[in-house]
Amino acid sequence: MVEIKLQYEGGLHCSAVHTPSGNTLTTDAPVDNNGRGESFSPTDLVATALASCIATVMGIVASRKNLPIEGLRVTVRKFMSQDAPRRISRLELDIDMPLPADHPERPLLESAARGCPVHHSIHPDIAVVMNWIWR
């Protein structure tokens, strides 16, 4: 169990503290939803969580297999629904791997990405598209 303490600061801003480490982050509502877009929105954090979870789980697998994936980059694009209720409708990820396309561990790494806990936690109505770029 991890505890995160969040405080609403007004003006659609929140600050959160990750109690085990003391690290903080802030959120703001996006411009298209009455905010100023000065920080991550709550739904941006969902997209960020997916990208970082994919990279982390692949890092775990790569470490076990002694695979050099330092420099891995993930770009995530979040799309919001146009109808009510407002929600994430699609997450598209470009996963830029520093390994060749014919690498023998490619299936394992791709499976690890699809198996990350955040991916398993995303509602099935949200389309998740992973575009792989192998070097």
C-alpha atoms as a PDB file:
ATOM      1  CA  MET A   1       0.000   0.000   0.000  1.00  0.00           C
ATOM      2  CA  VAL A   2       1.225   3.463  -0.914  1.00  0.00           C
ATOM      3  CA  GLU A   3      -0.285   6.636   0.466  1.00  0.00           C
ATOM      4  CA  ILE A   4      -0.517   9.813  -1.597  1.00  0.00           C
ATOM      5  CA  LYS A   5      -1.780  13.000   0.043  1.00  0.00           C
ATOM      6  CA  LEU A   6      -3.469  15.510  -2.232  1.00  0.00           C
ATOM      7  CA  GLN A   7      -4.588  19.046  -1.499  1.00  0.00           C
ATOM      8  CA  TYR A   8      -6.871  21.168  -3.658  1.00  0.00           C
ATOM      9  CA  GLU A   9      -5.260  24.609  -3.814  1.00  0.00           C
ATOM     10  CA  GLY A  10      -8.052  26.417  -5.649  1.00  0.00           C
ATOM     11  CA  GLY A  11      -8.096  27.671  -9.197  1.00  0.00           C
ATOM     12  CA  LEU A  12      -8.335  24.038 -10.412  1.00  0.00           C
ATOM     13  CA  HIS A  13      -4.817  23.319  -9.090  1.00  0.00           C
ATOM     14  CA  CYS A  14      -3.914  20.373  -6.854  1.00  0.00           C
ATOM     15  CA  SER A  15      -0.661  19.319  -5.239  1.00  0.00           C
ATOM     16  CA  ALA A  16       0.110  15.745  -4.296  1.00  0.00           C
ATOM     17  CA  VAL A  17       2.767  14.276  -2.040  1.00  0.00           C
ATOM     18  CA  HIS A  18       4.049  10.725  -2.461  1.00  0.00           C
ATOM     19  CA  THR A  19       4.444  10.003   1.253  1.00  0.00           C
ATOM     20  CA  PRO A  20       7.110   7.271   1.039  1.00  0.00           C
ATOM     21  CA  SER A  21       9.529   9.564  -0.814  1.00  0.00           C
ATOM     22  CA  GLY A  22       8.232  13.061  -0.142  1.00  0.00           C
ATOM     23  CA  ASN A  23       8.224  13.834  -3.869  1.00  0.00           C
ATOM     24  CA  THR A  24       5.508  16.169  -5.048  1.00  0.00           C
ATOM     25  CA  LEU A  25       3.634  16.894  -8.241  1.00  0.00           C
ATOM     26  CA  THR A  26       1.003  19.373  -9.246  1.00  0.00           C
ATOM     27  CA  THR A  27      -1.995  19.209 -11.535  1.00  0.00           C
ATOM     28  CA  ASP A  28      -4.058  21.797 -13.335  1.00  0.00           C
ATOM     29  CA  ALA A  29      -7.190  21.497 -15.404  1.00  0.00           C
ATOM     30  CA  PRO A  30      -6.516  21.662 -19.151  1.00  0.00           C
ATOM     31  CA  VAL A  31      -7.305  24.776 -21.149  1.00  0.00           C
ATOM     32  CA  ASP A  32     -10.175  23.002 -22.926  1.00  0.00           C
ATOM     33  CA  ASN A  33     -11.775  22.233 -19.557  1.00  0.00           C
ATOM     34  CA  ASN A  34     -11.713  25.587 -17.733  1.00  0.00           C
ATOM     35  CA  GLY A  35      -8.084  25.401 -16.621  1.00  0.00           C
ATOM     36  CA  ARG A  36      -4.878  27.189 -17.479  1.00  0.00           C
ATOM     37  CA  GLY A  37      -2.963  24.073 -18.569  1.00  0.00           C
ATOM     38  CA  GLU A  38      -0.018  25.006 -16.359  1.00  0.00           C
ATOM     39  CA  SER A  39       0.772  21.425 -15.355  1.00  0.00           C
ATOM     40  CA  PHE A  40      -0.259  17.852 -15.986  1.00  0.00           C
ATOM     41  CA  SER A  41      -4.013  17.354 -15.943  1.00  0.00           C
ATOM     42  CA  PRO A  42      -5.382  14.334 -14.074  1.00  0.00           C
ATOM     43  CA  THR A  43      -5.976  12.542 -17.387  1.00  0.00           C
ATOM     44  CA  ASP A  44      -2.443  13.481 -18.526  1.00  0.00           C
ATOM     45  CA  LEU A  45      -1.225  11.559 -15.483  1.00  0.00           C
ATOM     46  CA  VAL A  46      -3.093   8.466 -16.701  1.00  0.00           C
ATOM     47  CA  ALA A  47      -1.305   8.716 -20.051  1.00  0.00           C
ATOM     48  CA  THR A  48       2.009   9.353 -18.291  1.00  0.00           C
ATOM     49  CA  ALA A  49       1.438   6.416 -15.954  1.00  0.00           C
ATOM     50  CA  LEU A  50       0.896   4.094 -18.916  1.00  0.00           C
ATOM     51  CA  ALA A  51       4.058   5.263 -20.690  1.00  0.00           C
ATOM     52  CA  SER A  52       6.223   5.066 -17.571  1.00  0.00           C
ATOM     53  CA  CYS A  53       4.781   1.681 -16.585  1.00  0.00           C
ATOM     54  CA  ILE A  54       5.547   0.251 -20.026  1.00  0.00           C
ATOM     55  CA  ALA A  55       9.133   1.559 -19.863  1.00  0.00           C
ATOM     56  CA  THR A  56       9.589   0.322 -16.290  1.00  0.00           C
ATOM     57  CA  VAL A  57       8.282  -3.188 -16.930  1.00  0.00           C
ATOM     58  CA  MET A  58      10.407  -3.486 -20.067  1.00  0.00           C
ATOM     59  CA  GLY A  59      13.345  -2.249 -17.986  1.00  0.00           C
ATOM     60  CA  ILE A  60      12.738  -5.032 -15.466  1.00  0.00           C
ATOM     61  CA  VAL A  61      12.667  -7.645 -18.229  1.00  0.00           C
ATOM     62  CA  ALA A  62      15.710  -6.125 -19.942  1.00  0.00           C
ATOM     63  CA  SER A  63      17.638  -6.156 -16.673  1.00  0.00           C
ATOM     64  CA  ARG A  64      16.898  -9.844 -16.160  1.00  0.00           C
ATOM     65  CA  LYS A  65      18.025 -10.623 -19.712  1.00  0.00           C
ATOM     66  CA  ASN A  66      20.963  -8.186 -19.660  1.00  0.00           C
ATOM     67  CA  LEU A  67      19.525  -6.246 -22.606  1.00  0.00           C
ATOM     68  CA  PRO A  68      20.714  -2.679 -23.223  1.00  0.00           C
ATOM     69  CA  ILE A  69      17.525  -0.628 -23.530  1.00  0.00           C
ATOM     70  CA  GLU A  70      18.858   2.616 -22.038  1.00  0.00           C
ATOM     71  CA  GLY A  71      17.663   5.392 -24.297  1.00  0.00           C
ATOM     72  CA  LEU A  72      14.241   3.797 -24.773  1.00  0.00           C
ATOM     73  CA  ARG A  73      11.747   6.585 -25.490  1.00  0.00           C
ATOM     74  CA  VAL A  74       7.966   6.508 -25.225  1.00  0.00           C
ATOM     75  CA  THR A  75       5.762   9.249 -26.622  1.00  0.00           C
ATOM     76  CA  VAL A  76       2.101   9.065 -25.627  1.00  0.00           C
ATOM     77  CA  ARG A  77      -0.786  10.987 -27.163  1.00  0.00           C
ATOM     78  CA  LYS A  78      -4.036  11.268 -25.221  1.00  0.00           C
ATOM     79  CA  PHE A  79      -7.363  11.807 -26.952  1.00  0.00           C
ATOM     80  CA  MET A  80     -10.461  12.887 -25.073  1.00  0.00           C
ATOM     81  CA  SER A  81     -14.012  11.937 -26.033  1.00  0.00           C
ATOM     82  CA  GLN A  82     -16.093  14.445 -27.923  1.00  0.00           C
ATOM     83  CA  ASP A  83     -19.318  13.298 -26.271  1.00  0.00           C
ATOM     84  CA  ALA A  84     -20.439  13.185 -22.652  1.00  0.00           C
ATOM     85  CA  PRO A  85     -19.206  12.098 -20.235  1.00  0.00           C
ATOM     86  CA  ARG A  86     -15.753  13.613 -20.714  1.00  0.00           C
ATOM     87  CA  ARG A  87     -13.227  10.784 -20.653  1.00  0.00           C
ATOM     88  CA  ILE A  88     -10.082   9.441 -22.253  1.00  0.00           C
ATOM     89  CA  SER A  89     -11.088   7.699 -25.466  1.00  0.00           C
ATOM     90  CA  ARG A  90      -7.711   6.718 -26.928  1.00  0.00           C
ATOM     91  CA  LEU A  91      -4.054   6.492 -25.947  1.00  0.00           C
ATOM     92  CA  GLU A  92      -1.483   6.161 -28.720  1.00  0.00           C
ATOM     93  CA  LEU A  93       2.103   5.318 -27.849  1.00  0.00           C
ATOM     94  CA  ASP A  94       5.238   5.428 -29.964  1.00  0.00           C
ATOM     95  CA  ILE A  95       7.730   3.092 -28.330  1.00  0.00           C
ATOM     96  CA  ASP A  96      11.182   3.824 -29.707  1.00  0.00           C
ATOM     97  CA  MET A  97      13.406   0.849 -28.918  1.00  0.00           C
ATOM     98  CA  PRO A  98      17.208   1.082 -29.077  1.00  0.00           C
ATOM     99  CA  LEU A  99      17.379  -2.495 -30.391  1.00  0.00           C
ATOM    100  CA  PRO A 100      17.077  -3.899 -33.924  1.00  0.00           C
ATOM    101  CA  ALA A 101      13.724  -5.142 -35.220  1.00  0.00           C
ATOM    102  CA  ASP A 102      15.095  -8.678 -35.571  1.00  0.00           C
ATOM    103  CA  HIS A 103      16.251  -8.862 -31.941  1.00  0.00           C
ATOM    104  CA  PRO A 104      15.455 -12.352 -30.552  1.00  0.00           C
ATOM    105  CA  GLU A 105      13.882 -10.885 -27.373  1.00  0.00           C
ATOM    106  CA  ARG A 106      11.502  -8.600 -29.286  1.00  0.00           C
ATOM    107  CA  PRO A 107       8.394 -10.753 -28.552  1.00  0.00           C
ATOM    108  CA  LEU A 108       9.261 -10.843 -24.853  1.00  0.00           C
ATOM    109  CA  LEU A 109       9.687  -7.064 -24.626  1.00  0.00           C
ATOM    110  CA  GLU A 110       6.481  -6.368 -26.533  1.00  0.00           C
ATOM    111  CA  SER A 111       4.600  -8.816 -24.315  1.00  0.00           C
ATOM    112  CA  ALA A 112       6.018  -7.137 -21.211  1.00  0.00           C
ATOM    113  CA  ALA A 113       4.734  -3.766 -22.437  1.00  0.00           C
ATOM    114  CA  ARG A 114       1.241  -5.134 -23.056  1.00  0.00           C
ATOM    115  CA  GLY A 115       1.314  -6.800 -19.636  1.00  0.00           C
ATOM    116  CA  CYS A 116       2.180  -3.768 -17.532  1.00  0.00           C
ATOM    117  CA  PRO A 117      -0.127  -3.168 -14.532  1.00  0.00           C
ATOM    118  CA  VAL A 118      -1.346   0.219 -15.762  1.00  0.00           C
ATOM    119  CA  HIS A 119      -2.308  -1.242 -19.145  1.00  0.00           C
ATOM    120  CA  HIS A 120      -4.287  -3.931 -17.314  1.00  0.00           C
ATOM    121  CA  SER A 121      -5.965  -1.210 -15.222  1.00  0.00           C
ATOM    122  CA  ILE A 122      -7.214   0.863 -18.151  1.00  0.00           C
ATOM    123  CA  HIS A 123     -10.886   0.412 -19.003  1.00  0.00           C
ATOM    124  CA  PRO A 124     -11.367  -1.745 -22.125  1.00  0.00           C
ATOM    125  CA  ASP A 125     -13.382   1.040 -23.786  1.00  0.00           C
ATOM    126  CA  ILE A 126     -10.171   3.087 -24.015  1.00  0.00           C
ATOM    127  CA  ALA A 127      -8.296   2.233 -27.197  1.00  0.00           C
ATOM    128  CA  VAL A 128      -4.593   1.686 -26.525  1.00  0.00           C
ATOM    129  CA  VAL A 129      -2.435   1.636 -29.646  1.00  0.00           C
ATOM    130  CA  MET A 130       1.263   0.765 -29.385  1.00  0.00           C
ATOM    131  CA  ASN A 131       3.428   1.758 -32.364  1.00  0.00           C
ATOM    132  CA  TRP A 132       6.837   0.085 -32.173  1.00  0.00           C
ATOM    133  CA  ILE A 133       9.943   1.686 -33.619  1.00  0.00           C
ATOM    134  CA  TRP A 134      12.900  -0.673 -33.593  1.00  0.00           C
ATOM    135  CA  ARG A 135      16.396   0.651 -34.474  1.00  0.00           C
END
